Amino acid sequence: MSFSVLPRSLLIALGVQLCCQCYKFLNHSARLRRLSWKHLVTFGGMPSAHSAFVTALAVCVGIFEGFSTDLFALATVFGGIVIFDAYKLRGNVQKQAVVLNRIQAKSLPVDQQIDINEMVGHTLQEIAVGMTLAVVVAVPLALLWK
């Protein structure tokens, strides 16, 4: 599939998400002093790649199609649902994972424990940074591509 058949909004949103994931990878690799490949695809953490992706998508749709279109409304509502899910639902899943891992550590032999990922949700700060990054990167790219 040629990139020319993909919508510009989608290409920019994917680029913004990739930037967020690369930042997580580089940041965690530097802190751990080794390459942390899992942070290229992990959920949660700073910045929120989900929030950045849907914000970039909505902003680009607004720039390319118009901010008073049904398509922009659809992208905005979709983005709001994704961001709310990242904060509330996945945030609660993250809290439960922490508790379950603690319970396992105290009550089960090591060979019976299941490592539950504790990095799945987002704080409001992580979401705000993801959304800000999306606007800072997507707006100039969309205006140049327009």
Protein backbone atom coordinates (compact mmCIF):
# COMPACT_ATOMS: atom_id res chain seq x y z
CA MET A 1 0.00 0.00 0.00
CA SER A 2 1.34 3.39 -0.96
CA PHE A 3 1.38 6.14 1.66
CA SER A 4 -0.25 8.42 -0.89
CA VAL A 5 -3.56 6.58 -0.45
CA LEU A 6 -3.61 7.18 3.31
CA PRO A 7 -5.32 10.35 4.51
CA ARG A 8 -2.98 13.17 5.50
CA SER A 9 -4.70 13.42 8.90
CA LEU A 10 -3.97 9.78 9.62
CA LEU A 11 -0.34 10.02 8.52
CA ILE A 12 0.29 13.02 10.77
CA ALA A 13 -1.53 11.41 13.72
CA LEU A 14 0.51 8.23 13.31
CA GLY A 15 3.70 10.31 13.19
CA VAL A 16 2.74 12.08 16.42
CA GLN A 17 2.02 8.75 18.12
CA LEU A 18 5.36 7.38 16.92
CA CYS A 19 7.11 10.46 18.36
CA CYS A 20 5.48 9.80 21.75
CA GLN A 21 6.48 6.15 21.75
CA CYS A 22 10.04 7.00 20.70
CA TYR A 23 10.24 9.54 23.54
CA LYS A 24 9.12 6.85 26.03
CA PHE A 25 11.69 4.44 24.61
CA LEU A 26 14.55 6.96 24.77
CA ASN A 27 13.55 8.29 28.19
CA HIS A 28 13.26 4.85 29.81
CA SER A 29 16.39 3.59 28.07
CA ALA A 30 18.38 6.55 29.43
CA ARG A 31 17.01 6.07 32.94
CA LEU A 32 17.63 2.31 32.91
CA ARG A 33 21.00 2.71 31.09
CA ARG A 34 20.01 -0.01 28.64
CA LEU A 35 17.68 -0.23 25.66
CA SER A 36 14.10 -0.61 26.85
CA TRP A 37 12.42 -2.00 23.74
CA LYS A 38 9.12 -2.70 25.49
CA HIS A 39 8.55 1.04 25.86
CA LEU A 40 8.18 1.37 22.09
CA VAL A 41 4.84 -0.44 22.35
CA THR A 42 3.80 -0.13 25.98
CA PHE A 43 0.64 1.60 27.19
CA GLY A 44 0.67 4.29 29.85
CA GLY A 45 3.38 6.68 30.85
CA MET A 46 4.49 10.15 29.83
CA PRO A 47 3.29 11.41 27.41
CA SER A 48 -0.02 9.79 26.55
CA ALA A 49 0.40 8.54 22.99
CA HIS A 50 -3.32 7.73 22.79
CA SER A 51 -4.24 11.30 23.69
CA ALA A 52 -1.63 12.67 21.30
CA PHE A 53 -2.90 10.46 18.46
CA VAL A 54 -6.58 11.36 18.74
CA THR A 55 -5.84 15.04 19.34
CA ALA A 56 -3.58 15.21 16.29
CA LEU A 57 -6.23 13.41 14.25
CA ALA A 58 -8.99 15.82 15.29
CA VAL A 59 -6.83 18.91 14.78
CA CYS A 60 -5.75 17.74 11.31
CA VAL A 61 -9.30 16.90 10.31
CA GLY A 62 -10.30 20.39 11.42
CA ILE A 63 -7.52 22.01 9.42
CA PHE A 64 -8.03 19.91 6.27
CA GLU A 65 -11.82 19.52 6.27
CA GLY A 66 -13.00 22.47 8.40
CA PHE A 67 -13.78 22.88 12.07
CA SER A 68 -17.53 23.17 11.44
CA THR A 69 -17.84 19.81 9.65
CA ASP A 70 -19.45 16.61 10.83
CA LEU A 71 -16.12 14.84 10.25
CA PHE A 72 -14.39 17.15 12.77
CA ALA A 73 -17.24 16.56 15.23
CA LEU A 74 -16.84 12.80 14.81
CA ALA A 75 -13.05 12.97 15.32
CA THR A 76 -13.50 15.18 18.41
CA VAL A 77 -16.10 12.91 20.04
CA PHE A 78 -14.03 9.82 19.23
CA GLY A 79 -10.97 11.53 20.71
CA GLY A 80 -12.83 12.50 23.86
CA ILE A 81 -13.95 8.92 24.42
CA VAL A 82 -10.40 7.58 23.93
CA ILE A 83 -8.93 10.17 26.31
CA PHE A 84 -11.60 9.53 28.95
CA ASP A 85 -10.97 5.79 28.62
CA ALA A 86 -7.20 6.26 29.02
CA TYR A 87 -7.73 8.28 32.18
CA LYS A 88 -10.65 6.65 33.97
CA LEU A 89 -10.99 3.07 32.80
CA ARG A 90 -7.35 2.21 32.16
CA GLY A 91 -6.33 4.28 35.19
CA ASN A 92 -8.47 2.02 37.37
CA VAL A 93 -7.09 -1.09 35.66
CA GLN A 94 -3.60 0.17 36.52
CA LYS A 95 -4.54 0.64 40.21
CA GLN A 96 -5.98 -2.88 40.31
CA ALA A 97 -2.83 -4.31 38.72
CA VAL A 98 -0.70 -2.74 41.46
CA VAL A 99 -2.89 -4.28 44.17
CA LEU A 100 -2.98 -7.69 42.49
CA ASN A 101 0.79 -7.76 42.09
CA ARG A 102 1.23 -6.93 45.78
CA ILE A 103 -1.23 -9.66 46.81
CA GLN A 104 0.55 -12.18 44.60
CA ALA A 105 3.96 -11.25 46.02
CA LYS A 106 2.74 -11.86 49.56
CA SER A 107 0.62 -14.96 49.02
CA LEU A 108 1.91 -17.00 46.06
CA PRO A 109 5.18 -18.79 45.36
CA VAL A 110 7.25 -17.02 42.70
CA ASP A 111 6.62 -19.73 40.08
CA GLN A 112 2.84 -19.25 40.40
CA GLN A 113 2.82 -15.46 40.13
CA ILE A 114 1.61 -13.77 36.98
CA ASP A 115 3.32 -10.47 36.20
CA ILE A 116 0.48 -8.02 35.56
CA ASN A 117 1.49 -4.88 33.67
CA GLU A 118 1.08 -1.86 35.94
CA MET A 119 1.70 0.73 33.22
CA VAL A 120 -1.58 0.97 31.36
CA GLY A 121 -3.38 4.15 32.44
CA HIS A 122 -2.64 7.84 32.30
CA THR A 123 -2.63 10.74 34.72
CA LEU A 124 -4.15 14.07 33.76
CA GLN A 125 -0.63 15.48 33.37
CA GLU A 126 0.36 12.71 30.94
CA ILE A 127 -2.81 13.35 28.94
CA ALA A 128 -2.25 17.12 28.90
CA VAL A 129 1.34 16.70 27.70
CA GLY A 130 0.21 14.26 24.99
CA MET A 131 -2.47 16.67 23.79
CA THR A 132 -0.07 19.62 23.85
CA LEU A 133 2.57 17.68 21.93
CA ALA A 134 -0.06 16.76 19.35
CA VAL A 135 -1.03 20.38 18.75
CA VAL A 136 2.59 21.60 18.65
CA VAL A 137 3.58 18.94 16.09
CA ALA A 138 0.37 18.43 14.09
CA VAL A 139 -0.67 22.04 13.46
CA PRO A 140 2.53 23.12 11.65
CA LEU A 141 2.67 19.86 9.68
CA ALA A 142 -0.98 20.15 8.62
CA LEU A 143 -0.61 23.81 7.67
CA LEU A 144 2.49 23.02 5.59
CA TRP A 145 0.75 20.07 3.91
CA LYS A 146 -2.47 21.97 3.21
